[in-house]
C-alpha atoms as a PDB file:
ATOM      1  CA  MET A   1      21.468   1.105   5.976  1.00  0.00           C
ATOM      2  CA  SER A   2      18.407   2.961   4.709  1.00  0.00           C
ATOM      3  CA  ALA A   3      15.976   1.603   2.115  1.00  0.00           C
ATOM      4  CA  LYS A   4      17.571   3.775  -0.585  1.00  0.00           C
ATOM      5  CA  PRO A   5      21.086   2.744  -1.684  1.00  0.00           C
ATOM      6  CA  LYS A   6      23.802   5.263  -0.929  1.00  0.00           C
ATOM      7  CA  ALA A   7      25.431   7.143  -3.809  1.00  0.00           C
ATOM      8  CA  THR A   8      28.611   5.049  -3.473  1.00  0.00           C
ATOM      9  CA  ALA A   9      26.625   1.799  -3.789  1.00  0.00           C
ATOM     10  CA  LYS A  10      24.803   3.207  -6.811  1.00  0.00           C
ATOM     11  CA  ARG A  11      28.068   4.269  -8.450  1.00  0.00           C
ATOM     12  CA  GLN A  12      29.546   0.817  -7.891  1.00  0.00           C
ATOM     13  CA  ALA A  13      26.449  -0.916  -9.298  1.00  0.00           C
ATOM     14  CA  VAL A  14      26.416   1.371 -12.336  1.00  0.00           C
ATOM     15  CA  ALA A  15      30.172   0.900 -12.894  1.00  0.00           C
ATOM     16  CA  LYS A  16      29.726  -2.880 -12.736  1.00  0.00           C
ATOM     17  CA  VAL A  17      27.102  -2.811 -15.504  1.00  0.00           C
ATOM     18  CA  PHE A  18      28.164   0.145 -17.643  1.00  0.00           C
ATOM     19  CA  GLY A  19      31.936   0.240 -17.106  1.00  0.00           C
ATOM     20  CA  SER A  20      34.275   2.776 -15.641  1.00  0.00           C
ATOM     21  CA  LYS A  21      32.481   5.868 -16.930  1.00  0.00           C
ATOM     22  CA  HIS A  22      30.764   7.387 -13.907  1.00  0.00           C
ATOM     23  CA  PRO A  23      27.916   9.845 -14.430  1.00  0.00           C
ATOM     24  CA  VAL A  24      28.682  13.117 -12.721  1.00  0.00           C
ATOM     25  CA  ASP A  25      25.186  14.308 -11.931  1.00  0.00           C
ATOM     26  CA  SER A  26      22.993  12.373  -9.546  1.00  0.00           C
ATOM     27  CA  ALA A  27      19.956  12.380 -11.884  1.00  0.00           C
ATOM     28  CA  HIS A  28      21.924  10.508 -14.570  1.00  0.00           C
ATOM     29  CA  LEU A  29      23.353   8.137 -11.976  1.00  0.00           C
ATOM     30  CA  ASP A  30      19.804   7.414 -10.747  1.00  0.00           C
ATOM     31  CA  PHE A  31      18.617   6.913 -14.345  1.00  0.00           C
ATOM     32  CA  LEU A  32      21.325   4.308 -15.025  1.00  0.00           C
ATOM     33  CA  PHE A  33      20.913   2.661 -11.625  1.00  0.00           C
ATOM     34  CA  ARG A  34      17.170   2.111 -12.225  1.00  0.00           C
ATOM     35  CA  ARG A  35      17.925   0.596 -15.654  1.00  0.00           C
ATOM     36  CA  ARG A  36      20.969  -1.531 -14.713  1.00  0.00           C
ATOM     37  CA  HIS A  37      18.961  -4.744 -15.309  1.00  0.00           C
ATOM     38  CA  LEU A  38      18.223  -3.878 -18.978  1.00  0.00           C
ATOM     39  CA  ALA A  39      20.211  -5.034 -22.012  1.00  0.00           C
ATOM     40  CA  THR A  40      23.385  -3.137 -22.841  1.00  0.00           C
ATOM     41  CA  VAL A  41      25.731  -2.943 -25.823  1.00  0.00           C
ATOM     42  CA  LYS A  42      29.425  -2.109 -26.017  1.00  0.00           C
ATOM     43  CA  ASP A  43      30.040   1.572 -26.718  1.00  0.00           C
ATOM     44  CA  GLY A  44      33.747   2.373 -26.686  1.00  0.00           C
ATOM     45  CA  GLY A  45      35.299   1.696 -23.284  1.00  0.00           C
ATOM     46  CA  TRP A  46      31.960   1.263 -21.522  1.00  0.00           C
ATOM     47  CA  ARG A  47      28.474  -0.069 -22.167  1.00  0.00           C
ATOM     48  CA  GLU A  48      25.302   1.789 -23.158  1.00  0.00           C
ATOM     49  CA  LEU A  49      21.663   0.816 -22.778  1.00  0.00           C
ATOM     50  CA  ALA A  50      20.657  -1.123 -25.890  1.00  0.00           C
ATOM     51  CA  TYR A  51      17.312   0.644 -26.185  1.00  0.00           C
ATOM     52  CA  VAL A  52      19.025   4.056 -26.150  1.00  0.00           C
ATOM     53  CA  VAL A  53      21.277   3.018 -29.046  1.00  0.00           C
ATOM     54  CA  GLU A  54      18.315   1.502 -30.933  1.00  0.00           C
ATOM     55  CA  LEU A  55      16.233   4.634 -30.390  1.00  0.00           C
ATOM     56  CA  ASP A  56      19.048   6.855 -31.691  1.00  0.00           C
ATOM     57  CA  GLU A  57      19.383   4.672 -34.801  1.00  0.00           C
ATOM     58  CA  LEU A  58      15.618   4.633 -35.348  1.00  0.00           C
ATOM     59  CA  GLN A  59      15.401   8.423 -35.054  1.00  0.00           C
ATOM     60  CA  GLN A  60      18.175   8.818 -37.631  1.00  0.00           C
ATOM     61  CA  HIS A  61      16.367   6.496 -40.083  1.00  0.00           C
ATOM     62  CA  VAL A  62      13.020   8.234 -39.566  1.00  0.00           C
ATOM     63  CA  TRP A  63      14.503  11.703 -40.068  1.00  0.00           C
ATOM     64  CA  LYS A  64      16.393  10.576 -43.170  1.00  0.00           C
ATOM     65  CA  ALA A  65      13.213   9.111 -44.669  1.00  0.00           C
ATOM     66  CA  LEU A  66      11.125  12.172 -43.782  1.00  0.00           C
ATOM     67  CA  ASP A  67      13.768  14.501 -45.246  1.00  0.00           C
ATOM     68  CA  GLN A  68      13.752  12.479 -48.482  1.00  0.00           C
ATOM     69  CA  ILE A  69       9.953  12.617 -48.658  1.00  0.00           C
ATOM     70  CA  ARG A  70       9.923  16.387 -48.038  1.00  0.00           C
ATOM     71  CA  GLU A  71      12.580  17.008 -50.703  1.00  0.00           C
ATOM     72  CA  ARG A  72      10.917  14.746 -53.265  1.00  0.00           C
ATOM     73  CA  ASP A  73       7.199  15.305 -52.610  1.00  0.00           C
ATOM     74  CA  GLY A  74       6.983  18.625 -50.781  1.00  0.00           C
ATOM     75  CA  LEU A  75       5.995  19.906 -47.375  1.00  0.00           C
ATOM     76  CA  LYS A  76       2.302  18.923 -47.629  1.00  0.00           C
ATOM     77  CA  ILE A  77       3.095  15.229 -48.199  1.00  0.00           C
ATOM     78  CA  PHE A  78       5.844  15.360 -45.562  1.00  0.00           C
ATOM     79  CA  LYS A  79       3.288  16.580 -43.013  1.00  0.00           C
ATOM     80  CA  GLU A  80       0.785  13.872 -44.035  1.00  0.00           C
ATOM     81  CA  VAL A  81       3.428  11.177 -43.586  1.00  0.00           C
ATOM     82  CA  ALA A  82       4.612  12.613 -40.269  1.00  0.00           C
ATOM     83  CA  ASP A  83       1.015  12.770 -38.971  1.00  0.00           C
ATOM     84  CA  ARG A  84       0.421   9.177 -40.052  1.00  0.00           C
ATOM     85  CA  LEU A  85       3.597   8.085 -38.303  1.00  0.00           C
ATOM     86  CA  ILE A  86       2.544   9.882 -35.106  1.00  0.00           C
ATOM     87  CA  ASP A  87      -0.897   8.244 -35.260  1.00  0.00           C
ATOM     88  CA  SER A  88       0.652   4.822 -35.815  1.00  0.00           C
ATOM     89  CA  ILE A  89       2.947   5.228 -32.810  1.00  0.00           C
ATOM     90  CA  ALA A  90       0.042   6.446 -30.670  1.00  0.00           C
ATOM     91  CA  VAL A  91      -2.011   3.371 -31.581  1.00  0.00           C
ATOM     92  CA  SER A  92       0.940   1.146 -30.712  1.00  0.00           C
ATOM     93  CA  ILE A  93       1.228   2.812 -27.310  1.00  0.00           C
ATOM     94  CA  GLU A  94      -2.505   2.424 -26.681  1.00  0.00           C
ATOM     95  CA  ASP A  95      -2.241  -1.287 -27.590  1.00  0.00           C
ATOM     96  CA  ASN A  96       0.702  -1.674 -25.157  1.00  0.00           C
ATOM     97  CA  GLY A  97       3.005  -2.366 -28.088  1.00  0.00           C
ATOM     98  CA  ARG A  98       1.007  -5.364 -29.347  1.00  0.00           C
ATOM     99  CA  ARG A  99       0.658  -4.337 -32.973  1.00  0.00           C
ATOM    100  CA  THR A 100      -1.014  -6.652 -35.442  1.00  0.00           C
ATOM    101  CA  ARG A 101      -0.283  -6.626 -39.152  1.00  0.00           C
ATOM    102  CA  ARG A 102      -2.747  -7.305 -41.936  1.00  0.00           C
ATOM    103  CA  ALA A 103      -1.942  -9.637 -44.810  1.00  0.00           C
ATOM    104  CA  ASP A 104      -1.114  -6.642 -47.018  1.00  0.00           C
ATOM    105  CA  ASN A 105       1.540  -5.667 -44.393  1.00  0.00           C
ATOM    106  CA  ARG A 106      -0.303  -2.515 -43.319  1.00  0.00           C
ATOM    107  CA  SER A 107      -1.077  -1.985 -39.677  1.00  0.00           C
ATOM    108  CA  THR A 108      -4.639  -2.331 -38.443  1.00  0.00           C
ATOM    109  CA  ALA A 109      -4.548   1.382 -37.577  1.00  0.00           C
ATOM    110  CA  HIS A 110      -5.149   2.308 -41.230  1.00  0.00           C
END
């Protein structure tokens, strides 16, 4: 057998981790196969990657908060907050996710 697993082996490995739902396209199958060791959560009759579910929830919370800020305080403040959020995420990425918090609960990026 070659160094790369065959599609059938990948499908079986993905089905074992994620359930009976088989991805149709090979790119999605490869995506799930490479991430089969990561945490999953139950999602209907199969399992989903936990980080995908958490990201979806986080995006919904962020958009809800930004929409509230825009409606209450206007577009200028919305843009300031969005820029600050982008900067904060960029700093977190640069620090490899090791964010430190000050005593006043503000990040060191401010």
